[in-house]
Amino acid sequence: MPHLKMSDESSSTSSSQVVEDFEGELDEEVDSDGGKNQTGRSSPTPLSSFASLRAVIRIKQKYQAMKLRRQEMAHSLAASGLAGAPGRTSPKIFTFDGLTPATFPAFPSVPQKKKRRRKRRVLFPNDGPRKTVPKQERSRATYCLYLLFAIVFVQVYNAIENLDDHVLRYDLEGLEKTLRREVFGQQGAVEGLVYHLKDYLSTYVHNKPLVVSVHGPSGVGKSHLGRLLAGHFRSVVGDALVLQYYVLHHCPREAEAMQCARNLSSLISEMVEKAEEEEKIPLFIFDEAEHMHVEILDVLLQLVASKQSNEYLNAIYLFLSNLGHSHITKHMLQNSSSISMAMTASGRHSNLVKELTPILRNTLKKHHPLWTQADILPLGLLEKSHVMECFLEEITREGFYPDHSNIERLAGEIEYYPVVAGREYSQSGCKQVVAKVNLL
């Protein structure tokens, strides 16, 4: 390795020469300053003392700079790690020829810690314009959806208002008050009938007409109920849209049953068409339905079927008959002891409907299939207290003084069934009330 050694020697000689040059410059400067001071001793002045002070400061600065430079050169030579390097040398020049990996010192590997990257917070200047976060754009379809919700809400609200107006037109509350006041002993049946009417009249569009069949023994108020309904509907929809059909009056002969059926069909069609034009619902009442001929029942079955056109679906059919009255009488006489005295009229009637509806429906099917389309509403027997109320109402209407003893005497002349569980049921109901009051 002669080439490497020669380069080291040349670097050392060059560094020593540089040091000697610096020392020579320093000595010359000191000598020059000293000579100036010596020449100035003959005549010491304030200016000469100030100049000497400046020379001393400059010399000191020069010395400190040279000393610092020497230390830097010594550190650089020590860091190179070459043997035989002098303490004060200039930067060395060498080549990598002939060097091997073994000549380099082995430094121990120090594990370095991974620096955690800290999330830098974005700070905005207080005085400058702030950077705004981009807003997420809303789809235009959202506003269309809101508009659709508003339209649906308005439509539903208007529909509810229209339904209320449609029900108010028929004044069902006034009808219920009238029936409760005029029909005695049938409060549960009145509630059931008004419920059917409210449920049907709450809308004008239907999939089938309302068919209600009222059954009960003689004198319990069937015909009176029909007359009250007819009077009320005449006041709200007009006389032309209410029909009271008495079979024994309109079609007394069985030979004319087919012609009666045709006439009835054409009459109902005319009334239905007129009601459709006026957007009203007509009422058809058939009293004494047990005397109706088969031809008439067949025509009515075709009219109430759900396969008819829309105008025939918006109608109310009320049938009044004593069909199945024996089942009603037997049931009430046998089960009166099991009925609690504290039970309300509505509760008693609901039990009566629940227990008698299957029995009455089977009986009515045998009579004619028309009753398969009807809602059954049975009327119970009247008690003695109900008969006394009938007498009081009739006596007041005729203008007589309502003497309680006289009313009890008249009510005692009516025939009753044997007393069952403290209840005394009338055999004829209020059928004989009008005749007995007329004899006064």
Protein backbone atom coordinates (compact mmCIF):
# COMPACT_ATOMS: atom_id res chain seq x y z
CA MET A 1 0.00 0.00 0.00
CA PRO A 2 2.65 2.58 -0.92
CA HIS A 3 0.23 4.83 -2.69
CA LEU A 4 -1.93 5.30 0.43
CA LYS A 5 1.08 6.12 2.57
CA MET A 6 2.33 8.73 0.17
CA SER A 7 -1.03 10.44 0.17
CA ASP A 8 -1.04 10.50 3.98
CA GLU A 9 2.40 12.06 4.07
CA SER A 10 1.53 14.68 1.53
CA SER A 11 -1.65 15.57 3.45
CA SER A 12 0.28 15.89 6.70
CA THR A 13 2.93 18.14 5.16
CA SER A 14 0.30 20.34 3.58
CA SER A 15 -1.56 20.73 6.86
CA SER A 16 1.66 21.62 8.73
CA GLN A 17 2.51 24.21 6.10
CA VAL A 18 -0.91 25.79 6.52
CA VAL A 19 -0.39 26.00 10.29
CA GLU A 20 3.04 27.52 9.88
CA ASP A 21 1.64 30.12 7.46
CA PHE A 22 -1.01 31.09 9.97
CA GLU A 23 1.61 31.44 12.70
CA GLY A 24 3.78 33.53 10.47
CA GLU A 25 0.96 35.88 9.64
CA LEU A 26 0.18 36.17 13.31
CA ASP A 27 3.81 37.00 14.21
CA GLU A 28 4.04 39.58 11.45
CA GLU A 29 0.90 41.24 12.58
CA VAL A 30 2.07 41.26 16.17
CA ASP A 31 5.40 42.70 15.13
CA SER A 32 3.80 45.36 13.03
CA ASP A 33 1.48 46.34 15.82
CA GLY A 34 4.36 46.27 18.27
CA GLY A 35 6.51 48.45 16.02
CA LYS A 36 3.74 50.90 15.72
CA ASN A 37 3.42 50.95 19.45
CA GLN A 38 7.15 51.41 19.86
CA THR A 39 7.25 54.28 17.44
CA GLY A 40 4.34 55.83 19.18
CA ARG A 41 5.92 55.69 22.62
CA SER A 42 7.86 58.83 22.05
CA SER A 43 4.71 60.81 21.88
CA PRO A 44 1.83 58.91 23.63
CA THR A 45 -1.54 60.26 22.63
CA PRO A 46 -5.13 59.09 23.23
CA LEU A 47 -5.39 58.08 19.58
CA SER A 48 -2.30 55.88 19.81
CA SER A 49 -3.62 54.10 22.91
CA PHE A 50 -6.94 53.50 21.18
CA ALA A 51 -5.14 52.08 18.11
CA SER A 52 -3.11 49.73 20.26
CA LEU A 53 -6.26 48.51 21.97
CA ARG A 54 -7.85 47.80 18.61
CA ALA A 55 -4.72 45.89 17.54
CA VAL A 56 -4.86 43.74 20.68
CA ILE A 57 -8.56 42.94 20.08
CA ARG A 58 -7.93 42.07 16.43
CA ILE A 59 -5.00 39.84 17.39
CA LYS A 60 -7.16 38.06 19.94
CA GLN A 61 -9.94 37.50 17.40
CA LYS A 62 -7.43 36.15 14.89
CA TYR A 63 -6.00 33.79 17.45
CA GLN A 64 -9.43 32.46 18.46
CA ALA A 65 -10.39 31.94 14.81
CA MET A 66 -7.19 30.02 14.08
CA LYS A 67 -7.63 27.95 17.23
CA LEU A 68 -11.20 27.07 16.23
CA ARG A 69 -10.04 26.14 12.74
CA ARG A 70 -7.36 23.86 14.14
CA GLN A 71 -9.88 22.10 16.37
CA GLU A 72 -12.17 21.51 13.40
CA MET A 73 -9.32 20.08 11.34
CA ALA A 74 -8.27 17.80 14.23
CA HIS A 75 -11.86 16.51 14.55
CA SER A 76 -12.09 15.82 10.86
CA LEU A 77 -8.83 13.87 10.86
CA ALA A 78 -9.88 11.87 13.93
CA ALA A 79 -13.20 11.01 12.30
CA SER A 80 -11.45 9.63 9.22
CA GLY A 81 -9.84 6.92 11.43
CA LEU A 82 -6.48 6.73 9.52
CA ALA A 83 -3.44 5.72 11.56
CA GLY A 84 -0.52 8.08 11.89
CA ALA A 85 -2.57 11.19 11.16
CA PRO A 86 -0.99 14.26 12.86
CA GLY A 87 -2.91 16.37 15.28
CA ARG A 88 -2.83 19.45 13.02
CA THR A 89 -3.22 18.67 9.38
CA SER A 90 -5.09 19.98 6.43
CA PRO A 91 -7.93 18.05 4.70
CA LYS A 92 -6.42 14.89 3.26
CA ILE A 93 -6.76 13.61 -0.25
CA PHE A 94 -6.90 9.89 -0.87
CA THR A 95 -8.33 7.34 -3.21
CA PHE A 96 -10.22 4.07 -2.64
CA ASP A 97 -7.60 1.99 -4.43
CA GLY A 98 -6.46 -1.00 -2.42
CA LEU A 99 -9.02 -0.53 0.36
CA THR A 100 -10.89 -3.56 1.67
CA PRO A 101 -14.03 -3.78 3.81
CA ALA A 102 -11.84 -4.88 6.74
CA THR A 103 -10.13 -1.49 6.89
CA PHE A 104 -13.40 0.27 7.80
CA PRO A 105 -14.33 0.21 11.48
CA ALA A 106 -17.32 -1.83 12.48
CA PHE A 107 -19.93 0.30 14.19
CA PRO A 108 -22.50 -1.43 16.35
CA SER A 109 -26.01 -1.31 14.90
CA VAL A 110 -28.20 0.81 17.07
CA PRO A 111 -31.93 0.08 16.70
CA GLN A 112 -33.75 3.19 15.66
CA LYS A 113 -37.12 3.96 17.11
CA LYS A 114 -39.90 4.52 14.68
CA LYS A 115 -41.18 8.00 14.85
CA ARG A 116 -44.90 8.28 15.27
CA ARG A 117 -46.49 10.52 12.81
CA ARG A 118 -48.58 13.02 14.61
CA LYS A 119 -51.62 14.31 12.89
CA ARG A 120 -51.08 17.91 12.24
CA ARG A 121 -53.99 20.10 13.04
CA VAL A 122 -54.99 22.49 10.37
CA LEU A 123 -54.92 25.98 11.79
CA PHE A 124 -56.54 28.86 10.00
CA PRO A 125 -55.45 32.45 10.40
CA ASN A 126 -57.73 34.63 12.44
CA ASP A 127 -57.50 37.66 10.21
CA GLY A 128 -57.33 35.99 6.79
CA PRO A 129 -60.14 34.26 4.86
CA ARG A 130 -61.01 30.91 6.40
CA LYS A 131 -61.05 27.76 4.37
CA THR A 132 -64.53 26.26 4.27
CA VAL A 133 -65.19 22.55 4.14
CA PRO A 134 -66.96 21.61 0.89
CA LYS A 135 -70.65 21.02 1.53
CA GLN A 136 -72.28 17.84 0.35
CA GLU A 137 -74.77 18.66 -2.35
CA ARG A 138 -78.34 17.44 -1.82
CA SER A 139 -80.09 15.57 -4.53
CA ARG A 140 -82.98 17.36 -6.20
CA ALA A 141 -85.03 14.21 -5.80
CA THR A 142 -85.21 14.94 -2.05
CA TYR A 143 -87.33 18.02 -2.63
CA CYS A 144 -89.60 16.04 -4.95
CA LEU A 145 -90.01 13.45 -2.20
CA TYR A 146 -90.95 16.16 0.32
CA LEU A 147 -93.47 17.54 -2.14
CA LEU A 148 -94.96 14.09 -2.64
CA PHE A 149 -95.35 13.64 1.13
CA ALA A 150 -97.11 17.00 1.38
CA ILE A 151 -99.51 16.13 -1.44
CA VAL A 152 -100.36 12.75 0.11
CA PHE A 153 -100.94 14.36 3.51
CA VAL A 154 -103.29 16.96 2.01
CA GLN A 155 -105.19 14.29 0.08
CA VAL A 156 -105.62 12.09 3.15
CA TYR A 157 -106.71 15.06 5.24
CA ASN A 158 -109.26 16.10 2.63
CA ALA A 159 -110.53 12.52 2.40
CA ILE A 160 -111.05 12.39 6.16
CA GLU A 161 -112.84 15.72 6.09
CA ASN A 162 -115.05 14.51 3.24
CA LEU A 163 -115.91 11.35 5.16
CA ASP A 164 -116.93 13.40 8.17
CA ASP A 165 -119.07 15.62 5.97
CA HIS A 166 -120.69 12.56 4.41
CA VAL A 167 -121.60 11.12 7.81
CA LEU A 168 -122.84 14.47 9.11
CA ARG A 169 -125.21 14.70 6.17
CA TYR A 170 -127.27 11.80 7.53
CA ASP A 171 -127.32 13.09 11.15
CA LEU A 172 -126.84 9.67 12.71
CA GLU A 173 -126.47 11.17 16.18
CA GLY A 174 -129.95 12.65 15.95
CA LEU A 175 -131.25 9.31 14.65
CA GLU A 176 -129.75 7.46 17.60
CA LYS A 177 -131.33 9.87 20.10
CA THR A 178 -134.70 9.44 18.43
CA LEU A 179 -134.52 5.65 18.46
CA ARG A 180 -133.45 5.56 22.11
CA ARG A 181 -136.35 7.77 23.04
CA GLU A 182 -139.04 6.15 20.91
CA VAL A 183 -138.11 2.42 20.90
CA PHE A 184 -138.55 0.86 24.35
CA GLY A 185 -136.63 -2.12 25.66
CA GLN A 186 -134.37 -2.44 22.61
CA GLN A 187 -131.39 -0.27 23.51
CA GLY A 188 -128.86 -2.93 22.56
CA ALA A 189 -130.51 -3.46 19.17
CA VAL A 190 -130.55 0.31 18.56
CA GLU A 191 -126.82 0.51 19.24
CA GLY A 192 -126.16 -2.37 16.84
CA LEU A 193 -128.27 -0.81 14.08
CA VAL A 194 -126.62 2.62 14.44
CA TYR A 195 -123.19 0.95 14.39
CA HIS A 196 -123.99 -0.70 11.03
CA LEU A 197 -125.24 2.60 9.61
CA LYS A 198 -122.18 4.57 10.77
CA ASP A 199 -119.80 1.98 9.39
CA TYR A 200 -121.52 1.97 6.01
CA LEU A 201 -122.22 5.68 5.63
CA SER A 202 -118.67 6.73 6.56
CA THR A 203 -117.75 6.44 2.85
CA TYR A 204 -119.56 6.68 -0.45
CA VAL A 205 -117.68 3.89 -2.27
CA HIS A 206 -118.67 0.33 -1.30
CA ASN A 207 -118.16 -3.20 -2.56
CA LYS A 208 -121.64 -4.37 -1.49
CA PRO A 209 -124.90 -2.81 -0.26
CA LEU A 210 -125.82 -2.79 3.42
CA VAL A 211 -128.43 -5.48 4.16
CA VAL A 212 -129.81 -5.69 7.73
CA SER A 213 -132.50 -8.14 8.76
CA VAL A 214 -134.36 -7.35 11.99
CA HIS A 215 -136.17 -10.28 13.61
CA GLY A 216 -138.33 -10.55 16.70
CA PRO A 217 -141.70 -11.65 18.11
CA SER A 218 -144.86 -9.65 17.54
CA GLY A 219 -145.15 -6.32 19.34
CA VAL A 220 -141.44 -5.77 20.16
CA GLY A 221 -141.15 -2.67 17.93
CA LYS A 222 -140.04 -3.86 14.47
CA SER A 223 -142.55 -1.83 12.45
CA HIS A 224 -142.14 1.16 14.75
CA LEU A 225 -138.38 1.02 14.19
CA GLY A 226 -138.92 0.95 10.40
CA ARG A 227 -141.24 3.98 10.52
CA LEU A 228 -138.73 6.00 12.55
CA LEU A 229 -135.91 5.16 10.11
CA ALA A 230 -138.05 6.06 7.09
CA GLY A 231 -139.03 9.42 8.60
CA HIS A 232 -135.46 10.30 9.45
CA PHE A 233 -134.04 9.42 6.02
CA ARG A 234 -136.85 11.30 4.26
CA SER A 235 -135.73 14.41 6.09
CA VAL A 236 -132.08 14.05 5.03
CA VAL A 237 -132.17 12.50 1.52
CA GLY A 238 -135.71 13.27 0.38
CA ASP A 239 -138.94 11.32 -0.15
CA ALA A 240 -137.86 10.10 -3.59
CA LEU A 241 -134.96 8.05 -2.15
CA VAL A 242 -136.90 6.22 0.61
CA LEU A 243 -139.15 3.22 -0.09
CA GLN A 244 -141.42 1.53 2.45
CA TYR A 245 -142.67 -1.70 0.92
CA TYR A 246 -145.50 -3.59 2.64
CA VAL A 247 -145.98 -6.94 0.94
CA LEU A 248 -149.61 -7.41 2.04
CA HIS A 249 -150.44 -3.96 0.67
CA HIS A 250 -148.37 -3.71 -2.53
CA CYS A 251 -148.67 -7.35 -3.65
CA PRO A 252 -151.45 -9.18 -1.78
CA ARG A 253 -152.12 -11.82 -4.46
CA GLU A 254 -149.63 -14.56 -5.12
CA ALA A 255 -150.69 -14.77 -8.77
CA GLU A 256 -149.35 -11.26 -9.32
CA ALA A 257 -145.98 -12.04 -7.70
CA MET A 258 -144.02 -12.02 -10.98
CA GLN A 259 -145.45 -8.68 -12.06
CA CYS A 260 -144.84 -7.28 -8.59
CA ALA A 261 -141.23 -8.42 -8.81
CA ARG A 262 -140.75 -6.63 -12.17
CA ASN A 263 -142.34 -3.45 -10.89
CA LEU A 264 -140.21 -3.53 -7.75
CA SER A 265 -137.03 -4.07 -9.77
CA SER A 266 -137.73 -1.13 -12.08
CA LEU A 267 -138.65 1.10 -9.11
CA ILE A 268 -135.42 0.26 -7.26
CA SER A 269 -133.38 0.88 -10.45
CA GLU A 270 -134.90 4.33 -10.90
CA MET A 271 -134.27 5.27 -7.27
CA VAL A 272 -130.69 3.98 -7.41
CA GLU A 273 -129.90 5.96 -10.54
CA LYS A 274 -131.40 9.11 -9.04
CA ALA A 275 -129.39 8.61 -5.84
CA GLU A 276 -126.22 8.13 -7.90
CA GLU A 277 -126.79 11.47 -9.62
CA GLU A 278 -127.32 13.24 -6.30
CA GLU A 279 -124.46 11.32 -4.60
CA LYS A 280 -126.77 10.03 -1.89
CA ILE A 281 -127.59 6.58 -0.53
CA PRO A 282 -131.24 5.41 -0.76
CA LEU A 283 -133.09 3.39 1.88
CA PHE A 284 -135.39 0.43 1.09
CA ILE A 285 -137.52 -0.92 3.96
CA PHE A 286 -139.46 -4.21 3.52
CA ASP A 287 -141.89 -4.80 6.34
CA GLU A 288 -143.57 -8.17 6.98
CA ALA A 289 -140.85 -9.89 4.97
CA GLU A 290 -142.15 -13.31 6.08
CA HIS A 291 -145.05 -12.82 3.61
CA MET A 292 -142.85 -11.95 0.62
CA HIS A 293 -143.20 -14.20 -2.42
CA VAL A 294 -140.31 -16.20 -3.79
CA GLU A 295 -140.24 -14.17 -7.04
CA ILE A 296 -139.74 -10.95 -5.12
CA LEU A 297 -137.04 -12.51 -2.96
CA ASP A 298 -135.22 -13.72 -6.09
CA VAL A 299 -135.24 -10.23 -7.58
CA LEU A 300 -133.94 -8.73 -4.34
CA LEU A 301 -131.18 -11.34 -4.17
CA GLN A 302 -129.97 -10.27 -7.62
CA LEU A 303 -130.01 -6.61 -6.58
CA VAL A 304 -128.05 -7.05 -3.36
CA ALA A 305 -125.43 -9.33 -4.94
CA SER A 306 -121.98 -7.79 -5.17
CA LYS A 307 -121.73 -8.47 -8.92
CA GLN A 308 -123.98 -5.51 -9.73
CA SER A 309 -122.70 -2.16 -11.02
CA ASN A 310 -121.52 0.56 -8.66
CA GLU A 311 -124.79 2.42 -8.29
CA TYR A 312 -126.52 -0.72 -6.97
CA LEU A 313 -123.79 -1.15 -4.33
CA ASN A 314 -124.61 2.20 -2.69
CA ALA A 315 -127.93 1.32 -1.06
CA ILE A 316 -129.38 0.22 2.31
CA TYR A 317 -131.87 -2.66 2.51
CA LEU A 318 -133.77 -3.23 5.78
CA PHE A 319 -135.91 -6.37 6.21
CA LEU A 320 -138.39 -6.57 9.11
CA SER A 321 -139.94 -9.96 9.91
CA ASN A 322 -140.90 -12.32 12.72
CA LEU A 323 -139.00 -15.25 11.16
CA GLY A 324 -137.28 -17.20 13.92
CA HIS A 325 -139.33 -15.55 16.69
CA SER A 326 -139.82 -18.93 18.39
CA HIS A 327 -136.04 -19.33 18.80
CA ILE A 328 -135.77 -15.86 20.31
CA THR A 329 -138.62 -16.42 22.77
CA LYS A 330 -137.36 -19.83 23.85
CA HIS A 331 -133.81 -18.56 24.32
CA MET A 332 -134.84 -15.62 26.47
CA LEU A 333 -137.17 -17.64 28.71
CA GLN A 334 -134.60 -20.36 29.28
CA ASN A 335 -131.57 -18.14 29.82
CA SER A 336 -133.04 -15.25 31.77
CA SER A 337 -131.89 -16.77 35.07
CA SER A 338 -128.28 -16.82 33.88
CA ILE A 339 -128.35 -13.13 32.88
CA SER A 340 -127.10 -10.87 35.65
CA MET A 341 -129.38 -8.03 36.76
CA ALA A 342 -126.36 -5.68 36.83
CA MET A 343 -125.60 -6.32 33.15
CA THR A 344 -126.39 -3.40 30.86
CA ALA A 345 -128.82 -3.53 27.94
CA SER A 346 -125.93 -3.46 25.50
CA GLY A 347 -124.27 -6.41 27.22
CA ARG A 348 -127.49 -8.45 27.23
CA HIS A 349 -128.09 -7.75 23.58
CA SER A 350 -124.52 -8.64 22.60
CA ASN A 351 -124.96 -12.02 24.31
CA LEU A 352 -128.30 -12.46 22.55
CA VAL A 353 -126.75 -11.71 19.13
CA LYS A 354 -123.76 -13.96 19.77
CA GLU A 355 -125.86 -16.95 20.77
CA LEU A 356 -128.83 -16.55 18.43
CA THR A 357 -127.14 -15.46 15.16
CA PRO A 358 -125.96 -18.97 14.14
CA ILE A 359 -129.38 -20.47 14.96
CA LEU A 360 -131.32 -17.77 13.10
CA ARG A 361 -129.02 -17.90 10.07
CA ASN A 362 -129.55 -21.64 9.63
CA THR A 363 -133.32 -21.17 9.85
CA LEU A 364 -133.35 -18.25 7.40
CA LYS A 365 -131.20 -20.10 4.84
CA LYS A 366 -133.92 -22.67 4.54
CA HIS A 367 -136.48 -19.97 3.90
CA HIS A 368 -134.48 -18.23 1.11
CA PRO A 369 -130.77 -17.66 0.21
CA LEU A 370 -131.33 -13.89 0.41
CA TRP A 371 -130.59 -13.94 4.13
CA THR A 372 -127.06 -15.22 3.53
CA GLN A 373 -126.24 -11.65 2.41
CA ALA A 374 -127.81 -9.99 5.47
CA ASP A 375 -126.60 -9.02 8.94
CA ILE A 376 -128.89 -10.55 11.57
CA LEU A 377 -130.22 -8.24 14.29
CA PRO A 378 -132.60 -9.93 16.79
CA LEU A 379 -135.00 -8.01 19.03
CA GLY A 380 -135.73 -9.45 22.48
CA LEU A 381 -138.97 -9.76 24.46
CA LEU A 382 -140.34 -6.72 26.28
CA GLU A 383 -140.70 -6.70 30.05
CA LYS A 384 -143.67 -5.26 31.98
CA SER A 385 -141.75 -2.04 32.68
CA HIS A 386 -141.29 -1.55 28.93
CA VAL A 387 -145.02 -2.07 28.33
CA MET A 388 -145.78 0.60 30.94
CA GLU A 389 -143.48 3.00 29.08
CA CYS A 390 -145.43 2.27 25.89
CA PHE A 391 -148.70 3.12 27.67
CA LEU A 392 -147.23 6.33 29.08
CA GLU A 393 -146.04 7.46 25.66
CA GLU A 394 -149.36 6.70 23.97
CA ILE A 395 -151.47 8.31 26.74
CA THR A 396 -149.36 11.47 26.61
CA ARG A 397 -149.63 11.59 22.83
CA GLU A 398 -153.43 11.29 22.99
CA GLY A 399 -153.66 14.11 25.52
CA PHE A 400 -154.76 12.12 28.59
CA TYR A 401 -153.41 12.74 32.06
CA PRO A 402 -150.58 10.22 32.74
CA ASP A 403 -151.96 8.66 35.92
CA HIS A 404 -149.52 6.05 37.19
CA SER A 405 -152.26 3.87 38.76
CA ASN A 406 -154.20 3.94 35.52
CA ILE A 407 -151.07 2.93 33.56
CA GLU A 408 -150.44 0.00 35.93
CA ARG A 409 -154.04 -1.12 35.52
CA LEU A 410 -153.78 -1.04 31.72
CA ALA A 411 -150.43 -2.84 31.78
CA GLY A 412 -151.92 -5.54 34.04
CA GLU A 413 -154.49 -6.40 31.38
CA ILE A 414 -151.74 -7.58 29.03
CA GLU A 415 -150.85 -11.30 28.97
CA TYR A 416 -147.38 -12.26 30.21
CA TYR A 417 -145.18 -15.32 30.31
CA PRO A 418 -144.47 -16.94 33.69
CA VAL A 419 -142.05 -14.95 35.81
CA VAL A 420 -138.44 -16.02 35.20
CA ALA A 421 -135.65 -14.74 37.51
CA GLY A 422 -137.80 -11.77 38.57
CA ARG A 423 -138.57 -10.77 34.97
CA GLU A 424 -142.08 -10.73 33.54
CA TYR A 425 -142.07 -10.79 29.71
CA SER A 426 -145.12 -9.75 27.65
CA GLN A 427 -146.54 -12.23 25.15
CA SER A 428 -147.78 -9.55 22.74
CA GLY A 429 -145.34 -6.77 23.59
CA CYS A 430 -146.83 -3.32 22.97
CA LYS A 431 -149.16 -4.59 20.26
CA GLN A 432 -152.37 -3.94 22.24
CA VAL A 433 -151.35 -0.59 23.72
CA VAL A 434 -152.91 1.58 21.02
CA ALA A 435 -156.21 -0.31 21.09
CA LYS A 436 -156.55 -0.11 24.88
CA VAL A 437 -155.73 3.64 24.98
CA ASN A 438 -158.37 4.27 22.31
CA LEU A 439 -160.98 2.70 24.63
CA LEU A 440 -160.37 5.32 27.33
